[in-house]
Amino acid sequence: MKAIIVEDEIPAREELEYLIEAYSEIEVTHSFDDGLDVLKFLQEQETDVIFLDINIPSLDGILLASTISKFTKRPYIVFTTAYKEHAARAFELEAFDYVLKPYDEKRMAAMLSRLEAAFKRDRTTEAVIPVKRQNVKGQEVEVHAKSSNRVNLKKNDKIIVTDVNDIYYAEASEKVTLVYTVNEEYTMQMSITEFHALLPEDMFYRCHRSYTVNLTKIHEIVPWFNQTYILRLKDLNVEIPVSRSKVKAFRQIMQL
């Protein structure tokens, strides 16, 4: 797994390089201190992950990440910054993580471990898609095809193969789970716990016993009673609660 670091402060860059070397097998191939230089580099070469500061010359980290998000093949982006106020925007851009300076060594070690696991999963782990076929006796059986980063959603007796990034949230409803994309609602004959287990854990968070939410779709985090939150999602007119038991972990994930 190859990485580049975008950081204009030498001590911060050296510390980050040390932590990456100490706690992962990630190879840092290049370092940059200017956003435009990164774009020039990416026009000619590819990398697997970018450790990206926000306050950098020429093109700040948020604008740079916004440009990179339009690439056909997008590297993981880990924001490394002293400014927590950009966290919501970072996750809208589907950042893998948002790490605050000064770096906490245990936090960095855990993030790097998740990053390597996600990289391995996205390239080697394939979801199984059941496709109905008839055997020689005329009976319906399931034959399994493979596809990465997709789940099967059901609507009107049809199986809709869906990219997990298109899922905004899921909601428990008695013995079934309702799954929502920007335009559709699907009913899954399984518990929300079972459905959540099908989703990438670095993208979806079980924020409530009745809800799991796509972190990249969060538009607004609204403080609520008992120090909890209500989540508002982009594109959908919906409010999703974060339960008291989930608040601490949610704050850590979102760097609140």
Protein backbone atom coordinates (compact mmCIF):
# COMPACT_ATOMS: atom_id res chain seq x y z
CA MET A 1 0.00 0.00 0.00
CA LYS A 2 1.53 3.29 -1.13
CA ALA A 3 0.90 6.72 0.36
CA ILE A 4 1.73 10.38 -0.06
CA ILE A 5 1.80 13.01 2.68
CA VAL A 6 0.60 16.56 2.08
CA GLU A 7 1.89 18.69 4.95
CA ASP A 8 3.70 22.04 4.92
CA GLU A 9 5.06 21.83 8.48
CA ILE A 10 8.23 19.76 8.63
CA PRO A 11 7.91 18.57 12.27
CA ALA A 12 4.32 17.42 11.69
CA ARG A 13 5.35 15.64 8.48
CA GLU A 14 8.25 13.87 10.18
CA GLU A 15 6.05 12.76 13.08
CA LEU A 16 3.43 11.41 10.69
CA GLU A 17 6.07 9.53 8.70
CA TYR A 18 7.37 8.01 11.94
CA LEU A 19 3.90 6.84 13.04
CA ILE A 20 3.11 5.35 9.64
CA GLU A 21 6.40 3.44 9.62
CA ALA A 22 6.02 2.31 13.22
CA TYR A 23 2.43 1.07 13.05
CA SER A 24 1.83 -0.07 9.48
CA GLU A 25 3.30 -1.57 6.34
CA ILE A 26 2.31 1.50 4.33
CA GLU A 27 5.08 2.91 2.13
CA VAL A 28 5.31 6.70 1.95
CA THR A 29 6.56 7.40 -1.55
CA HIS A 30 6.29 11.20 -1.77
CA SER A 31 5.68 14.25 0.41
CA PHE A 32 4.25 17.59 -0.68
CA ASP A 33 3.72 20.99 0.91
CA ASP A 34 1.53 22.50 -1.83
CA GLY A 35 -1.90 21.44 -3.07
CA LEU A 36 -1.29 22.19 -6.74
CA ASP A 37 1.83 20.04 -6.74
CA VAL A 38 -0.31 17.15 -5.53
CA LEU A 39 -2.74 17.56 -8.43
CA LYS A 40 0.15 17.60 -10.91
CA PHE A 41 1.52 14.42 -9.34
CA LEU A 42 -1.86 12.64 -9.47
CA GLN A 43 -2.25 13.46 -13.16
CA GLU A 44 0.69 11.20 -13.89
CA GLN A 45 0.84 8.74 -11.01
CA GLU A 46 -1.49 6.90 -8.65
CA THR A 47 -1.36 6.36 -4.92
CA ASP A 48 -3.48 4.31 -2.52
CA VAL A 49 -3.85 6.83 0.29
CA ILE A 50 -3.29 10.54 0.88
CA PHE A 51 -2.58 11.91 4.36
CA LEU A 52 -3.86 15.42 3.83
CA ASP A 53 -3.47 18.57 5.90
CA ILE A 54 -6.15 21.24 5.39
CA ASN A 55 -4.13 24.44 5.81
CA ILE A 56 -1.71 24.14 2.87
CA PRO A 57 -0.62 26.65 0.18
CA SER A 58 -2.15 27.17 -3.29
CA LEU A 59 -5.08 24.79 -2.85
CA ASP A 60 -6.34 23.96 0.63
CA GLY A 61 -6.99 20.39 1.69
CA ILE A 62 -10.78 20.54 1.44
CA LEU A 63 -10.69 21.88 -2.12
CA LEU A 64 -8.03 19.36 -3.06
CA ALA A 65 -10.09 16.49 -1.63
CA SER A 66 -13.18 17.78 -3.44
CA THR A 67 -11.26 17.61 -6.73
CA ILE A 68 -9.89 14.15 -5.98
CA SER A 69 -13.40 12.91 -5.11
CA LYS A 70 -14.30 13.27 -8.80
CA PHE A 71 -11.54 10.91 -9.91
CA THR A 72 -12.61 7.58 -11.38
CA LYS A 73 -10.11 5.78 -9.16
CA ARG A 74 -10.00 7.59 -5.85
CA PRO A 75 -7.36 7.07 -3.17
CA TYR A 76 -8.32 6.90 0.47
CA ILE A 77 -8.05 10.30 2.12
CA VAL A 78 -7.08 10.73 5.76
CA PHE A 79 -7.28 14.34 6.89
CA THR A 80 -4.61 15.35 9.39
CA THR A 81 -5.37 18.77 10.80
CA ALA A 82 -5.59 21.00 13.83
CA TYR A 83 -9.06 22.25 12.81
CA LYS A 84 -11.98 20.11 13.97
CA GLU A 85 -14.62 22.35 12.38
CA HIS A 86 -14.09 20.80 8.94
CA ALA A 87 -14.96 17.24 10.01
CA ALA A 88 -18.51 17.18 8.67
CA ARG A 89 -17.39 18.44 5.25
CA ALA A 90 -14.56 15.90 5.23
CA PHE A 91 -16.98 13.00 5.67
CA GLU A 92 -19.24 14.44 2.97
CA LEU A 93 -16.21 14.01 0.73
CA GLU A 94 -16.03 10.38 1.87
CA ALA A 95 -12.78 10.76 3.77
CA PHE A 96 -11.58 7.58 5.44
CA ASP A 97 -10.77 9.43 8.67
CA TYR A 98 -10.22 12.84 10.19
CA VAL A 99 -7.34 12.95 12.64
CA LEU A 100 -6.62 15.95 14.84
CA LYS A 101 -3.20 17.30 15.75
CA PRO A 102 -1.34 16.85 17.97
CA TYR A 103 -1.43 13.18 17.09
CA ASP A 104 -2.52 10.64 19.66
CA GLU A 105 -0.32 7.60 19.11
CA LYS A 106 -2.97 5.00 20.04
CA ARG A 107 -5.54 6.74 17.85
CA MET A 108 -3.11 6.76 14.92
CA ALA A 109 -2.20 3.11 15.39
CA ALA A 110 -5.87 2.10 15.38
CA MET A 111 -6.62 4.21 12.31
CA LEU A 112 -3.68 2.76 10.36
CA SER A 113 -4.79 -0.76 11.23
CA ARG A 114 -8.32 -0.02 9.97
CA LEU A 115 -6.92 1.59 6.86
CA GLU A 116 -4.83 -1.44 5.93
CA ALA A 117 -7.77 -3.74 6.64
CA ALA A 118 -10.05 -1.64 4.43
CA PHE A 119 -7.48 -1.62 1.63
CA LYS A 120 -7.15 -5.39 1.79
CA ARG A 121 -10.91 -5.93 1.99
CA ASP A 122 -11.72 -3.61 -0.91
CA ARG A 123 -9.32 -5.45 -3.18
CA THR A 124 -9.62 -9.03 -2.08
CA THR A 125 -12.97 -9.46 -0.32
CA GLU A 126 -15.89 -9.97 -2.65
CA ALA A 127 -19.50 -9.97 -1.58
CA VAL A 128 -21.52 -12.97 -2.65
CA ILE A 129 -24.61 -12.27 -4.76
CA PRO A 130 -27.21 -15.06 -4.86
CA VAL A 131 -28.71 -15.56 -8.31
CA LYS A 132 -31.63 -17.93 -8.77
CA ARG A 133 -31.17 -20.72 -11.30
CA GLN A 134 -32.97 -24.02 -11.96
CA ASN A 135 -31.24 -27.31 -11.44
CA VAL A 136 -31.81 -30.42 -13.55
CA LYS A 137 -34.92 -31.30 -11.52
CA GLY A 138 -36.48 -27.91 -12.19
CA GLN A 139 -35.97 -26.74 -8.62
CA GLU A 140 -34.77 -23.22 -7.84
CA VAL A 141 -31.32 -23.09 -6.31
CA GLU A 142 -28.91 -20.27 -5.56
CA VAL A 143 -25.75 -19.87 -7.60
CA HIS A 144 -23.28 -17.36 -6.23
CA ALA A 145 -21.69 -14.67 -8.31
CA LYS A 146 -19.18 -12.22 -6.89
CA SER A 147 -19.01 -8.44 -6.71
CA SER A 148 -17.07 -6.04 -4.50
CA ASN A 149 -18.57 -3.33 -2.28
CA ARG A 150 -22.14 -4.22 -3.19
CA VAL A 151 -25.16 -5.59 -1.39
CA ASN A 152 -28.38 -7.12 -2.66
CA LEU A 153 -31.52 -5.11 -1.89
CA LYS A 154 -34.98 -6.48 -2.57
CA LYS A 155 -37.99 -4.64 -4.00
CA ASN A 156 -41.11 -6.16 -5.54
CA ASP A 157 -39.54 -9.62 -5.63
CA LYS A 158 -36.55 -8.27 -7.53
CA ILE A 159 -32.96 -8.31 -6.36
CA ILE A 160 -31.29 -4.95 -6.90
CA VAL A 161 -27.49 -5.10 -6.80
CA THR A 162 -26.56 -1.85 -5.07
CA ASP A 163 -23.29 -0.05 -4.43
CA VAL A 164 -22.98 0.44 -0.67
CA ASN A 165 -22.16 4.10 -1.21
CA ASP A 166 -25.70 4.61 -2.56
CA ILE A 167 -27.20 3.56 0.78
CA TYR A 168 -27.94 6.52 3.06
CA TYR A 169 -29.31 4.74 6.12
CA ALA A 170 -31.23 1.73 7.35
CA GLU A 171 -34.02 1.56 9.93
CA ALA A 172 -35.35 -1.35 11.96
CA SER A 173 -39.09 -1.95 11.54
CA GLU A 174 -40.39 -4.86 13.61
CA LYS A 175 -38.80 -8.00 12.08
CA VAL A 176 -37.55 -6.37 8.89
CA THR A 177 -35.08 -3.62 7.97
CA LEU A 178 -35.96 -0.67 5.76
CA VAL A 179 -33.06 0.51 3.60
CA TYR A 180 -33.00 3.93 1.98
CA THR A 181 -31.15 5.28 -1.02
CA VAL A 182 -31.70 8.77 -2.39
CA ASN A 183 -34.77 7.70 -4.40
CA GLU A 184 -35.85 4.27 -3.17
CA GLU A 185 -36.93 2.33 -0.09
CA TYR A 186 -36.18 -1.39 0.19
CA THR A 187 -37.42 -4.01 2.65
CA MET A 188 -34.94 -6.61 3.84
CA GLN A 189 -36.20 -9.75 5.59
CA MET A 190 -33.53 -9.61 8.28
CA SER A 191 -32.73 -7.74 11.46
CA ILE A 192 -30.86 -4.46 11.35
CA THR A 193 -27.98 -6.20 13.13
CA GLU A 194 -27.74 -8.74 10.32
CA PHE A 195 -27.97 -6.04 7.65
CA HIS A 196 -25.39 -3.81 9.33
CA ALA A 197 -22.95 -6.74 9.28
CA LEU A 198 -23.08 -6.69 5.46
CA LEU A 199 -21.84 -3.10 5.29
CA PRO A 200 -18.29 -1.68 5.42
CA GLU A 201 -17.63 -0.84 9.07
CA ASP A 202 -15.47 2.16 8.17
CA MET A 203 -18.39 3.76 6.28
CA PHE A 204 -21.50 2.83 8.31
CA TYR A 205 -22.12 3.47 11.99
CA ARG A 206 -24.80 1.87 14.18
CA CYS A 207 -25.82 5.13 15.82
CA HIS A 208 -28.97 3.74 17.48
CA ARG A 209 -30.45 0.30 18.07
CA SER A 210 -32.93 1.06 15.30
CA TYR A 211 -30.63 2.88 12.86
CA THR A 212 -27.40 2.52 10.95
CA VAL A 213 -26.15 5.51 8.98
CA ASN A 214 -23.72 6.14 6.16
CA LEU A 215 -21.19 8.56 7.68
CA THR A 216 -20.39 10.07 4.29
CA LYS A 217 -24.01 11.21 3.87
CA ILE A 218 -24.19 13.26 7.08
CA HIS A 219 -24.88 16.90 6.30
CA GLU A 220 -25.58 18.32 9.75
CA ILE A 221 -24.99 17.19 13.34
CA VAL A 222 -27.53 18.85 15.65
CA PRO A 223 -27.04 18.82 19.47
CA TRP A 224 -30.05 17.26 21.18
CA PHE A 225 -31.21 16.64 24.73
CA ASN A 226 -29.11 14.60 27.19
CA GLN A 227 -25.99 15.50 25.16
CA THR A 228 -27.06 13.37 22.22
CA TYR A 229 -27.38 14.36 18.56
CA ILE A 230 -29.79 14.38 15.66
CA LEU A 231 -28.26 13.69 12.25
CA ARG A 232 -29.56 15.31 9.10
CA LEU A 233 -28.53 13.77 5.82
CA LYS A 234 -27.83 15.48 2.52
CA ASP A 235 -30.43 14.90 -0.21
CA LEU A 236 -33.02 13.42 2.20
CA ASN A 237 -35.48 15.13 4.54
CA VAL A 238 -34.84 12.86 7.49
CA GLU A 239 -33.56 13.11 11.07
CA ILE A 240 -31.70 10.19 12.61
CA PRO A 241 -31.01 9.96 16.36
CA VAL A 242 -27.74 9.08 18.01
CA SER A 243 -28.53 7.19 21.22
CA ARG A 244 -26.82 8.02 24.51
CA SER A 245 -24.95 4.72 24.50
CA LYS A 246 -23.50 5.53 21.06
CA VAL A 247 -22.58 9.18 21.63
CA LYS A 248 -19.04 8.65 22.94
CA ALA A 249 -17.95 6.48 20.00
CA PHE A 250 -19.73 8.80 17.56
CA ARG A 251 -17.83 11.80 18.91
CA GLN A 252 -14.55 9.97 18.48
CA ILE A 253 -15.38 9.00 14.90
CA MET A 254 -16.48 12.51 13.97
CA GLN A 255 -13.79 14.22 16.08
CA LEU A 256 -16.36 16.28 18.02
